[in-house]
């Protein structure tokens, strides 16, 4: 896999510091973010599994139909797009929603 497509598939992990804190340090807002991060980490794991499958197909010595290869590539692209779209939607919602009205 070339470097350009690997860079395209990298996910934003700027909020991963939430995973390093103790549970007592979490506020209610942090717990909501933590749930979103859990969703993103699940999506990341799915994407990593797809990348592993794709690497196996690319590195195998057996002849593999190009249809399977392109289907895996397409599936990998869809997972990335859905994950990034979900992240963007959640950021928009966070920016539009005032959490102080819930308290």
PDB file of N, CA and C in Angstrom:
ATOM      1  N   UNK A   1       0.863  -1.184   0.000  1.00  0.00           N
ATOM      2  CA  UNK A   1       0.000   0.000   0.000  1.00  0.00           C
ATOM      3  C   UNK A   1       0.895   1.228   0.000  1.00  0.00           C
ATOM      4  N   UNK A   2       0.592   2.160  -0.825  1.00  0.00           N
ATOM      5  CA  UNK A   2       1.437   3.337  -0.902  1.00  0.00           C
ATOM      6  C   UNK A   2       1.174   4.291   0.260  1.00  0.00           C
ATOM      7  N   UNK A   3       2.114   5.182   0.466  1.00  0.00           N
ATOM      8  CA  UNK A   3       2.045   6.073   1.632  1.00  0.00           C
ATOM      9  C   UNK A   3       0.867   7.041   1.552  1.00  0.00           C
ATOM     10  N   UNK A   4       0.499   7.439   0.370  1.00  0.00           N
ATOM     11  CA  UNK A   4      -0.595   8.405   0.233  1.00  0.00           C
ATOM     12  C   UNK A   4      -1.895   7.827   0.781  1.00  0.00           C
ATOM     13  N   UNK A   5      -2.193   6.585   0.443  1.00  0.00           N
ATOM     14  CA  UNK A   5      -3.442   6.001   0.938  1.00  0.00           C
ATOM     15  C   UNK A   5      -3.356   5.702   2.429  1.00  0.00           C
ATOM     16  N   UNK A   6      -2.161   5.414   2.940  1.00  0.00           N
ATOM     17  CA  UNK A   6      -2.029   5.194   4.379  1.00  0.00           C
ATOM     18  C   UNK A   6      -2.284   6.490   5.138  1.00  0.00           C
ATOM     19  N   UNK A   7      -1.794   7.598   4.623  1.00  0.00           N
ATOM     20  CA  UNK A   7      -2.035   8.883   5.277  1.00  0.00           C
ATOM     21  C   UNK A   7      -3.515   9.235   5.229  1.00  0.00           C
ATOM     22  N   UNK A   8      -4.164   8.898   4.139  1.00  0.00           N
ATOM     23  CA  UNK A   8      -5.581   9.208   3.988  1.00  0.00           C
ATOM     24  C   UNK A   8      -6.408   8.461   5.022  1.00  0.00           C
ATOM     25  N   UNK A   9      -5.967   7.287   5.438  1.00  0.00           N
ATOM     26  CA  UNK A   9      -6.745   6.463   6.340  1.00  0.00           C
ATOM     27  C   UNK A   9      -6.464   6.740   7.806  1.00  0.00           C
ATOM     28  N   UNK A  10      -5.526   7.619   8.115  1.00  0.00           N
ATOM     29  CA  UNK A  10      -5.237   7.892   9.515  1.00  0.00           C
ATOM     30  C   UNK A  10      -6.386   8.679  10.133  1.00  0.00           C
ATOM     31  N   UNK A  11      -6.717   8.350  11.376  1.00  0.00           N
ATOM     32  CA  UNK A  11      -7.826   8.993  12.073  1.00  0.00           C
ATOM     33  C   UNK A  11      -7.299   9.994  13.086  1.00  0.00           C
ATOM     34  N   UNK A  12      -8.092  10.971  13.388  1.00  0.00           N
ATOM     35  CA  UNK A  12      -7.731  11.999  14.359  1.00  0.00           C
ATOM     36  C   UNK A  12      -7.754  11.391  15.756  1.00  0.00           C
ATOM     37  N   UNK A  13      -6.621  11.431  16.437  1.00  0.00           N
ATOM     38  CA  UNK A  13      -6.542  10.877  17.794  1.00  0.00           C
ATOM     39  C   UNK A  13      -6.198  11.968  18.794  1.00  0.00           C
ATOM     40  N   UNK A  14      -6.540  13.204  18.482  1.00  0.00           N
ATOM     41  CA  UNK A  14      -6.168  14.318  19.349  1.00  0.00           C
ATOM     42  C   UNK A  14      -6.877  14.272  20.697  1.00  0.00           C
ATOM     43  N   UNK A  15      -7.998  13.564  20.805  1.00  0.00           N
ATOM     44  CA  UNK A  15      -8.733  13.492  22.067  1.00  0.00           C
ATOM     45  C   UNK A  15      -8.441  12.215  22.848  1.00  0.00           C
ATOM     46  N   UNK A  16      -7.417  11.479  22.474  1.00  0.00           N
ATOM     47  CA  UNK A  16      -7.141  10.205  23.129  1.00  0.00           C
ATOM     48  C   UNK A  16      -6.652  10.353  24.560  1.00  0.00           C
ATOM     49  N   UNK A  17      -6.320  11.562  25.011  1.00  0.00           N
ATOM     50  CA  UNK A  17      -5.879  11.739  26.390  1.00  0.00           C
ATOM     51  C   UNK A  17      -6.994  11.409  27.372  1.00  0.00           C
ATOM     52  N   UNK A  18      -8.245  11.352  26.938  1.00  0.00           N
ATOM     53  CA  UNK A  18      -9.347  10.965  27.819  1.00  0.00           C
ATOM     54  C   UNK A  18      -9.192   9.522  28.280  1.00  0.00           C
ATOM     55  N   UNK A  19      -8.546   8.700  27.469  1.00  0.00           N
ATOM     56  CA  UNK A  19      -8.377   7.296  27.830  1.00  0.00           C
ATOM     57  C   UNK A  19      -7.323   7.101  28.915  1.00  0.00           C
ATOM     58  N   UNK A  20      -6.521   8.106  29.172  1.00  0.00           N
ATOM     59  CA  UNK A  20      -5.426   7.979  30.126  1.00  0.00           C
ATOM     60  C   UNK A  20      -5.810   8.400  31.542  1.00  0.00           C
ATOM     61  N   UNK A  21      -6.961   9.028  31.714  1.00  0.00           N
ATOM     62  CA  UNK A  21      -7.341   9.545  33.029  1.00  0.00           C
ATOM     63  C   UNK A  21      -8.108   8.502  33.836  1.00  0.00           C
ATOM     64  N   UNK A  22      -8.117   8.704  35.152  1.00  0.00           N
ATOM     65  CA  UNK A  22      -8.880   7.845  36.052  1.00  0.00           C
ATOM     66  C   UNK A  22     -10.363   8.170  35.936  1.00  0.00           C
ATOM     67  N   UNK A  23     -11.228   7.200  36.287  1.00  0.00           N
ATOM     68  CA  UNK A  23     -12.674   7.407  36.190  1.00  0.00           C
ATOM     69  C   UNK A  23     -13.158   8.534  37.092  1.00  0.00           C
ATOM     70  N   UNK A  24     -12.515   8.713  38.251  1.00  0.00           N
ATOM     71  CA  UNK A  24     -12.946   9.760  39.182  1.00  0.00           C
ATOM     72  C   UNK A  24     -12.733  11.161  38.605  1.00  0.00           C
ATOM     73  N   UNK A  25     -11.807  11.303  37.682  1.00  0.00           N
ATOM     74  CA  UNK A  25     -11.486  12.606  37.120  1.00  0.00           C
ATOM     75  C   UNK A  25     -12.453  13.024  36.019  1.00  0.00           C
ATOM     76  N   UNK A  26     -13.339  12.135  35.592  1.00  0.00           N
ATOM     77  CA  UNK A  26     -14.250  12.430  34.493  1.00  0.00           C
ATOM     78  C   UNK A  26     -15.422  13.273  34.960  1.00  0.00           C
ATOM     79  N   UNK A  27     -15.744  14.300  34.228  1.00  0.00           N
ATOM     80  CA  UNK A  27     -16.996  15.023  34.449  1.00  0.00           C
ATOM     81  C   UNK A  27     -18.050  14.362  33.563  1.00  0.00           C
ATOM     82  N   UNK A  28     -19.293  14.783  33.675  1.00  0.00           N
ATOM     83  CA  UNK A  28     -20.354  14.209  32.837  1.00  0.00           C
ATOM     84  C   UNK A  28     -20.071  14.461  31.357  1.00  0.00           C
ATOM     85  N   UNK A  29     -19.546  15.642  31.051  1.00  0.00           N
ATOM     86  CA  UNK A  29     -19.213  15.972  29.667  1.00  0.00           C
ATOM     87  C   UNK A  29     -18.114  15.055  29.147  1.00  0.00           C
ATOM     88  N   UNK A  30     -17.116  14.783  30.007  1.00  0.00           N
ATOM     89  CA  UNK A  30     -16.027  13.896  29.620  1.00  0.00           C
ATOM     90  C   UNK A  30     -16.533  12.486  29.360  1.00  0.00           C
ATOM     91  N   UNK A  31     -17.507  12.032  30.159  1.00  0.00           N
ATOM     92  CA  UNK A  31     -18.042  10.681  29.964  1.00  0.00           C
ATOM     93  C   UNK A  31     -18.733  10.573  28.615  1.00  0.00           C
ATOM     94  N   UNK A  32     -19.439  11.618  28.209  1.00  0.00           N
ATOM     95  CA  UNK A  32     -20.058  11.625  26.886  1.00  0.00           C
ATOM     96  C   UNK A  32     -19.016  11.567  25.788  1.00  0.00           C
ATOM     97  N   UNK A  33     -17.958  12.326  25.963  1.00  0.00           N
ATOM     98  CA  UNK A  33     -16.874  12.291  24.979  1.00  0.00           C
ATOM     99  C   UNK A  33     -16.205  10.927  24.967  1.00  0.00           C
ATOM    100  N   UNK A  34     -16.079  10.325  26.142  1.00  0.00           N
ATOM    101  CA  UNK A  34     -15.451   9.011  26.229  1.00  0.00           C
ATOM    102  C   UNK A  34     -16.255   7.979  25.449  1.00  0.00           C
ATOM    103  N   UNK A  35     -17.593   8.072  25.521  1.00  0.00           N
ATOM    104  CA  UNK A  35     -18.430   7.144  24.754  1.00  0.00           C
ATOM    105  C   UNK A  35     -18.211   7.340  23.263  1.00  0.00           C
ATOM    106  N   UNK A  36     -18.079   8.592  22.833  1.00  0.00           N
ATOM    107  CA  UNK A  36     -17.822   8.852  21.417  1.00  0.00           C
ATOM    108  C   UNK A  36     -16.452   8.315  21.020  1.00  0.00           C
ATOM    109  N   UNK A  37     -15.478   8.461  21.915  1.00  0.00           N
ATOM    110  CA  UNK A  37     -14.151   7.936  21.617  1.00  0.00           C
ATOM    111  C   UNK A  37     -14.175   6.421  21.541  1.00  0.00           C
ATOM    112  N   UNK A  38     -14.991   5.780  22.396  1.00  0.00           N
ATOM    113  CA  UNK A  38     -15.121   4.328  22.321  1.00  0.00           C
ATOM    114  C   UNK A  38     -15.667   3.919  20.965  1.00  0.00           C
ATOM    115  N   UNK A  39     -16.661   4.657  20.463  1.00  0.00           N
ATOM    116  CA  UNK A  39     -17.199   4.369  19.135  1.00  0.00           C
ATOM    117  C   UNK A  39     -16.102   4.513  18.090  1.00  0.00           C
ATOM    118  N   UNK A  40     -15.321   5.588  18.202  1.00  0.00           N
ATOM    119  CA  UNK A  40     -14.251   5.812  17.229  1.00  0.00           C
ATOM    120  C   UNK A  40     -13.185   4.734  17.327  1.00  0.00           C
ATOM    121  N   UNK A  41     -12.864   4.290  18.553  1.00  0.00           N
ATOM    122  CA  UNK A  41     -11.843   3.252  18.670  1.00  0.00           C
ATOM    123  C   UNK A  41     -12.352   1.935  18.100  1.00  0.00           C
ATOM    124  N   UNK A  42     -13.661   1.655  18.237  1.00  0.00           N
ATOM    125  CA  UNK A  42     -14.223   0.452  17.616  1.00  0.00           C
ATOM    126  C   UNK A  42     -14.127   0.558  16.100  1.00  0.00           C
ATOM    127  N   UNK A  43     -14.429   1.732  15.567  1.00  0.00           N
ATOM    128  CA  UNK A  43     -14.336   1.926  14.126  1.00  0.00           C
ATOM    129  C   UNK A  43     -12.883   1.799  13.662  1.00  0.00           C
ATOM    130  N   UNK A  44     -11.965   2.298  14.474  1.00  0.00           N
ATOM    131  CA  UNK A  44     -10.549   2.191  14.135  1.00  0.00           C
ATOM    132  C   UNK A  44     -10.121   0.732  14.098  1.00  0.00           C
ATOM    133  N   UNK A  45     -10.590  -0.060  15.073  1.00  0.00           N
ATOM    134  CA  UNK A  45     -10.253  -1.483  15.083  1.00  0.00           C
ATOM    135  C   UNK A  45     -10.806  -2.184  13.853  1.00  0.00           C
ATOM    136  N   UNK A  46     -12.032  -1.836  13.461  1.00  0.00           N
ATOM    137  CA  UNK A  46     -12.608  -2.424  12.250  1.00  0.00           C
ATOM    138  C   UNK A  46     -11.772  -2.054  11.035  1.00  0.00           C
ATOM    139  N   UNK A  47     -11.362  -0.797  10.979  1.00  0.00           N
ATOM    140  CA  UNK A  47     -10.554  -0.339   9.858  1.00  0.00           C
ATOM    141  C   UNK A  47      -9.208  -1.056   9.836  1.00  0.00           C
ATOM    142  N   UNK A  48      -8.603  -1.257  11.010  1.00  0.00           N
ATOM    143  CA  UNK A  48      -7.326  -1.958  11.072  1.00  0.00           C
ATOM    144  C   UNK A  48      -7.474  -3.398  10.593  1.00  0.00           C
ATOM    145  N   UNK A  49      -8.578  -4.061  10.970  1.00  0.00           N
ATOM    146  CA  UNK A  49      -8.818  -5.427  10.496  1.00  0.00           C
ATOM    147  C   UNK A  49      -8.933  -5.458   8.977  1.00  0.00           C
ATOM    148  N   UNK A  50      -9.632  -4.466   8.421  1.00  0.00           N
ATOM    149  CA  UNK A  50      -9.768  -4.409   6.970  1.00  0.00           C
ATOM    150  C   UNK A  50      -8.414  -4.173   6.304  1.00  0.00           C
ATOM    151  N   UNK A  51      -7.590  -3.329   6.919  1.00  0.00           N
ATOM    152  CA  UNK A  51      -6.260  -3.080   6.367  1.00  0.00           C
ATOM    153  C   UNK A  51      -5.405  -4.340   6.405  1.00  0.00           C
ATOM    154  N   UNK A  52      -5.530  -5.111   7.482  1.00  0.00           N
ATOM    155  CA  UNK A  52      -4.783  -6.366   7.584  1.00  0.00           C
ATOM    156  C   UNK A  52      -5.223  -7.325   6.487  1.00  0.00           C
ATOM    157  N   UNK A  53      -6.551  -7.427   6.285  1.00  0.00           N
ATOM    158  CA  UNK A  53      -7.061  -8.289   5.213  1.00  0.00           C
ATOM    159  C   UNK A  53      -6.532  -7.831   3.862  1.00  0.00           C
ATOM    160  N   UNK A  54      -6.558  -6.527   3.654  1.00  0.00           N
ATOM    161  CA  UNK A  54      -6.093  -5.988   2.381  1.00  0.00           C
ATOM    162  C   UNK A  54      -4.605  -6.267   2.188  1.00  0.00           C
ATOM    163  N   UNK A  55      -3.811  -6.110   3.243  1.00  0.00           N
ATOM    164  CA  UNK A  55      -2.382  -6.408   3.153  1.00  0.00           C
ATOM    165  C   UNK A  55      -2.143  -7.877   2.840  1.00  0.00           C
ATOM    166  N   UNK A  56      -2.939  -8.762   3.459  1.00  0.00           N
ATOM    167  CA  UNK A  56      -2.798 -10.195   3.176  1.00  0.00           C
ATOM    168  C   UNK A  56      -3.095 -10.485   1.713  1.00  0.00           C
ATOM    169  N   UNK A  57      -4.129  -9.836   1.196  1.00  0.00           N
ATOM    170  CA  UNK A  57      -4.471 -10.038  -0.214  1.00  0.00           C
ATOM    171  C   UNK A  57      -3.348  -9.515  -1.099  1.00  0.00           C
ATOM    172  N   UNK A  58      -2.817  -8.354  -0.760  1.00  0.00           N
ATOM    173  CA  UNK A  58      -1.759  -7.762  -1.579  1.00  0.00           C
ATOM    174  C   UNK A  58      -0.471  -8.576  -1.514  1.00  0.00           C
ATOM    175  N   UNK A  59      -0.167  -9.138  -0.348  1.00  0.00           N
ATOM    176  CA  UNK A  59       1.102  -9.829  -0.159  1.00  0.00           C
ATOM    177  C   UNK A  59       1.038 -11.321  -0.453  1.00  0.00           C
ATOM    178  N   UNK A  60      -0.129 -11.846  -0.714  1.00  0.00           N
ATOM    179  CA  UNK A  60      -0.236 -13.287  -0.928  1.00  0.00           C
ATOM    180  C   UNK A  60       0.335 -13.655  -2.293  1.00  0.00           C
ATOM    181  N   UNK A  61       0.842 -14.857  -2.362  1.00  0.00           N
ATOM    182  CA  UNK A  61       1.397 -15.355  -3.614  1.00  0.00           C
ATOM    183  C   UNK A  61       0.326 -16.021  -4.473  1.00  0.00           C
ATOM    184  N   UNK A  62      -0.822 -16.273  -3.870  1.00  0.00           N
ATOM    185  CA  UNK A  62      -1.896 -16.924  -4.610  1.00  0.00           C
ATOM    186  C   UNK A  62      -2.572 -15.902  -5.518  1.00  0.00           C
ATOM    187  N   UNK A  63      -3.000 -16.347  -6.677  1.00  0.00           N
ATOM    188  CA  UNK A  63      -3.741 -15.411  -7.528  1.00  0.00           C
ATOM    189  C   UNK A  63      -5.102 -15.095  -6.916  1.00  0.00           C
ATOM    190  N   UNK A  64      -5.364 -13.845  -6.741  1.00  0.00           N
ATOM    191  CA  UNK A  64      -6.631 -13.406  -6.162  1.00  0.00           C
ATOM    192  C   UNK A  64      -7.315 -12.535  -7.207  1.00  0.00           C
ATOM    193  N   UNK A  65      -8.591 -12.748  -7.349  1.00  0.00           N
ATOM    194  CA  UNK A  65      -9.293 -11.965  -8.370  1.00  0.00           C
ATOM    195  C   UNK A  65      -9.254 -10.487  -7.999  1.00  0.00           C
ATOM    196  N   UNK A  66      -9.152  -9.670  -8.993  1.00  0.00           N
ATOM    197  CA  UNK A  66      -9.112  -8.230  -8.769  1.00  0.00           C
ATOM    198  C   UNK A  66     -10.433  -7.731  -8.205  1.00  0.00           C
ATOM    199  N   UNK A  67     -11.507  -8.457  -8.464  1.00  0.00           N
ATOM    200  CA  UNK A  67     -12.805  -8.054  -7.926  1.00  0.00           C
ATOM    201  C   UNK A  67     -12.780  -8.078  -6.404  1.00  0.00           C
ATOM    202  N   UNK A  68     -12.203  -9.131  -5.830  1.00  0.00           N
ATOM    203  CA  UNK A  68     -12.118  -9.231  -4.372  1.00  0.00           C
ATOM    204  C   UNK A  68     -11.246  -8.104  -3.829  1.00  0.00           C
ATOM    205  N   UNK A  69     -10.135  -7.881  -4.491  1.00  0.00           N
ATOM    206  CA  UNK A  69      -9.233  -6.814  -4.069  1.00  0.00           C
ATOM    207  C   UNK A  69      -9.952  -5.467  -4.065  1.00  0.00           C
ATOM    208  N   UNK A  70     -10.656  -5.165  -5.140  1.00  0.00           N
ATOM    209  CA  UNK A  70     -11.345  -3.877  -5.224  1.00  0.00           C
ATOM    210  C   UNK A  70     -12.515  -3.793  -4.254  1.00  0.00           C
ATOM    211  N   UNK A  71     -13.168  -4.911  -3.989  1.00  0.00           N
ATOM    212  CA  UNK A  71     -14.239  -4.903  -2.990  1.00  0.00           C
ATOM    213  C   UNK A  71     -13.686  -4.602  -1.602  1.00  0.00           C
ATOM    214  N   UNK A  72     -12.561  -5.216  -1.260  1.00  0.00           N
ATOM    215  CA  UNK A  72     -11.934  -4.925   0.029  1.00  0.00           C
ATOM    216  C   UNK A  72     -11.506  -3.462   0.101  1.00  0.00           C
ATOM    217  N   UNK A  73     -10.945  -2.977  -0.974  1.00  0.00           N
ATOM    218  CA  UNK A  73     -10.515  -1.578  -1.025  1.00  0.00           C
ATOM    219  C   UNK A  73     -11.721  -0.643  -0.866  1.00  0.00           C
ATOM    220  N   UNK A  74     -12.811  -0.978  -1.546  1.00  0.00           N
ATOM    221  CA  UNK A  74     -14.029  -0.180  -1.463  1.00  0.00           C
ATOM    222  C   UNK A  74     -14.589  -0.203  -0.044  1.00  0.00           C
ATOM    223  N   UNK A  75     -14.614  -1.382   0.574  1.00  0.00           N
ATOM    224  CA  UNK A  75     -15.122  -1.515   1.941  1.00  0.00           C
ATOM    225  C   UNK A  75     -14.260  -0.701   2.906  1.00  0.00           C
ATOM    226  N   UNK A  76     -12.972  -0.769   2.732  1.00  0.00           N
ATOM    227  CA  UNK A  76     -12.048  -0.012   3.571  1.00  0.00           C
ATOM    228  C   UNK A  76     -12.312   1.488   3.429  1.00  0.00           C
ATOM    229  N   UNK A  77     -12.532   1.947   2.228  1.00  0.00           N
ATOM    230  CA  UNK A  77     -12.840   3.360   1.986  1.00  0.00           C
ATOM    231  C   UNK A  77     -14.147   3.764   2.642  1.00  0.00           C
ATOM    232  N   UNK A  78     -15.157   2.909   2.561  1.00  0.00           N
ATOM    233  CA  UNK A  78     -16.450   3.210   3.179  1.00  0.00           C
ATOM    234  C   UNK A  78     -16.325   3.339   4.687  1.00  0.00           C
ATOM    235  N   UNK A  79     -15.584   2.430   5.306  1.00  0.00           N
ATOM    236  CA  UNK A  79     -15.403   2.483   6.760  1.00  0.00           C
ATOM    237  C   UNK A  79     -14.732   3.797   7.146  1.00  0.00           C
ATOM    238  N   UNK A  80     -13.721   4.180   6.403  1.00  0.00           N
ATOM    239  CA  UNK A  80     -13.033   5.440   6.694  1.00  0.00           C
ATOM    240  C   UNK A  80     -13.979   6.630   6.538  1.00  0.00           C
ATOM    241  N   UNK A  81     -14.742   6.649   5.458  1.00  0.00           N
ATOM    242  CA  UNK A  81     -15.636   7.780   5.206  1.00  0.00           C
ATOM    243  C   UNK A  81     -16.733   7.877   6.252  1.00  0.00           C
ATOM    244  N   UNK A  82     -17.305   6.740   6.649  1.00  0.00           N
ATOM    245  CA  UNK A  82     -18.361   6.755   7.666  1.00  0.00           C
ATOM    246  C   UNK A  82     -17.797   7.244   8.997  1.00  0.00           C
ATOM    247  N   UNK A  83     -16.613   6.768   9.352  1.00  0.00           N
ATOM    248  CA  UNK A  83     -15.997   7.181  10.609  1.00  0.00           C
ATOM    249  C   UNK A  83     -15.698   8.679  10.609  1.00  0.00           C
ATOM    250  N   UNK A  84     -15.129   9.174   9.526  1.00  0.00           N
ATOM    251  CA  UNK A  84     -14.808  10.604   9.491  1.00  0.00           C
ATOM    252  C   UNK A  84     -16.075  11.451   9.423  1.00  0.00           C
ATOM    253  N   UNK A  85     -17.099  10.976   8.730  1.00  0.00           N
ATOM    254  CA  UNK A  85     -18.366  11.705   8.682  1.00  0.00           C
ATOM    255  C   UNK A  85     -19.008  11.756  10.061  1.00  0.00           C
ATOM    256  N   UNK A  86     -18.974  10.633  10.778  1.00  0.00           N
ATOM    257  CA  UNK A  86     -19.530  10.602  12.132  1.00  0.00           C
ATOM    258  C   UNK A  86     -18.789  11.589  13.028  1.00  0.00           C
ATOM    259  N   UNK A  87     -17.482  11.619  12.920  1.00  0.00           N
ATOM    260  CA  UNK A  87     -16.676  12.535  13.723  1.00  0.00           C
ATOM    261  C   UNK A  87     -17.043  13.985  13.415  1.00  0.00           C
ATOM    262  N   UNK A  88     -17.177  14.305  12.140  1.00  0.00           N
ATOM    263  CA  UNK A  88     -17.534  15.677  11.765  1.00  0.00           C
ATOM    264  C   UNK A  88     -18.926  16.044  12.260  1.00  0.00           C
ATOM    265  N   UNK A  89     -19.877  15.131  12.147  1.00  0.00           N
ATOM    266  CA  UNK A  89     -21.238  15.398  12.624  1.00  0.00           C
ATOM    267  C   UNK A  89     -21.235  15.624  14.128  1.00  0.00           C
ATOM    268  N   UNK A  90     -20.501  14.790  14.869  1.00  0.00           N
ATOM    269  CA  UNK A  90     -20.450  14.942  16.323  1.00  0.00           C
ATOM    270  C   UNK A  90     -19.823  16.282  16.706  1.00  0.00           C
ATOM    271  N   UNK A  91     -18.809  16.715  15.990  1.00  0.00           N
ATOM    272  CA  UNK A  91     -18.196  18.018  16.279  1.00  0.00           C
ATOM    273  C   UNK A  91     -19.183  19.150  16.016  1.00  0.00           C
ATOM    274  N   UNK A  92     -19.945  19.049  14.934  1.00  0.00           N
ATOM    275  CA  UNK A  92     -20.950  20.075  14.635  1.00  0.00           C
ATOM    276  C   UNK A  92     -21.992  20.114  15.734  1.00  0.00           C
ATOM    277  N   UNK A  93     -22.454  18.934  16.159  1.00  0.00           N
ATOM    278  CA  UNK A  93     -23.454  18.869  17.225  1.00  0.00           C
ATOM    279  C   UNK A  93     -22.892  19.463  18.511  1.00  0.00           C
ATOM    280  N   UNK A  94     -21.655  19.124  18.852  1.00  0.00           N
ATOM    281  CA  UNK A  94     -21.032  19.666  20.063  1.00  0.00           C
ATOM    282  C   UNK A  94     -20.962  21.190  20.007  1.00  0.00           C
ATOM    283  N   UNK A  95     -20.633  21.724  18.847  1.00  0.00           N
ATOM    284  CA  UNK A  95     -20.513  23.182  18.712  1.00  0.00           C
ATOM    285  C   UNK A  95     -21.872  23.875  18.760  1.00  0.00           C
ATOM    286  N   UNK A  96     -22.921  23.203  18.339  1.00  0.00           N
ATOM    287  CA  UNK A  96     -24.256  23.806  18.286  1.00  0.00           C
ATOM    288  C   UNK A  96     -25.020  23.647  19.595  1.00  0.00           C
ATOM    289  N   UNK A  97     -24.655  22.651  20.381  1.00  0.00           N
ATOM    290  CA  UNK A  97     -25.455  22.285  21.547  1.00  0.00           C
ATOM    291  C   UNK A  97     -24.847  22.876  22.808  1.00  0.00           C
ATOM    292  N   UNK A  98     -25.668  23.466  23.639  1.00  0.00           N
ATOM    293  CA  UNK A  98     -25.207  24.065  24.884  1.00  0.00           C
ATOM    294  C   UNK A  98     -25.449  23.070  26.016  1.00  0.00           C
ATOM    295  N   UNK A  99     -24.380  22.482  26.541  1.00  0.00           N
ATOM    296  CA  UNK A  99     -24.506  21.463  27.587  1.00  0.00           C
ATOM    297  C   UNK A  99     -24.990  22.045  28.911  1.00  0.00           C
ATOM    298  N   UNK A 100     -24.816  23.325  29.122  1.00  0.00           N
ATOM    299  CA  UNK A 100     -25.209  23.919  30.397  1.00  0.00           C
ATOM    300  C   UNK A 100     -26.727  23.897  30.587  1.00  0.00           C
ATOM    301  N   UNK A 101     -27.494  23.777  29.516  1.00  0.00           N
ATOM    302  CA  UNK A 101     -28.957  23.728  29.653  1.00  0.00           C
ATOM    303  C   UNK A 101     -29.418  22.407  30.237  1.00  0.00           C
ATOM    304  N   UNK A 102     -28.569  21.398  30.224  1.00  0.00           N
ATOM    305  CA  UNK A 102     -28.948  20.090  30.768  1.00  0.00           C
ATOM    306  C   UNK A 102     -28.830  20.030  32.279  1.00  0.00           C
ATOM    307  N   UNK A 103     -28.029  20.898  32.863  1.00  0.00           N
ATOM    308  CA  UNK A 103     -27.758  20.812  34.300  1.00  0.00           C
ATOM    309  C   UNK A 103     -28.794  21.468  35.140  1.00  0.00           C
TER     310      UNK A 103
END
